């Protein structure tokens, strides 16, 4: 993981929850995006919440898998959304990867897929809202 990637991940509120669960920050290769929620707020800021179900095996490529795979569901909330684009949300939304970069005081998230959902979200804040072991 390069320094730019690590710096962006450290900006995610509660990123430690994901590190603790997996032992590292995964690329989310083969993770399924099962839900995307758009919410308005009286503050004038709005948020997007994405629900991911990481593949229990493939995301360990390049690392050492744990003795017992830990299937889970992760909710990432993007607050203070500055820009977004979504395409092809459908029946199957498996990702090639999910990566983050810092962009002018905000965080940009790129949901990369060879087929299915593709998205970019630039937000003031990214939060690991929950990680539930299934």
Foldseek 3Di string as FASTA:
>chain_A
DDPQQVVLCVQAAPSVVCCVQFVHNFQLAFKWFDDWDWAADPVRKIKIKTKIWRDQPPRQVVHDGDPDGWTKIWIKMAIRWPDKDKDAADDTATFRGWTWGDDPQWIWIWGHHPHGMTMITTGNHMYRPDIGTD
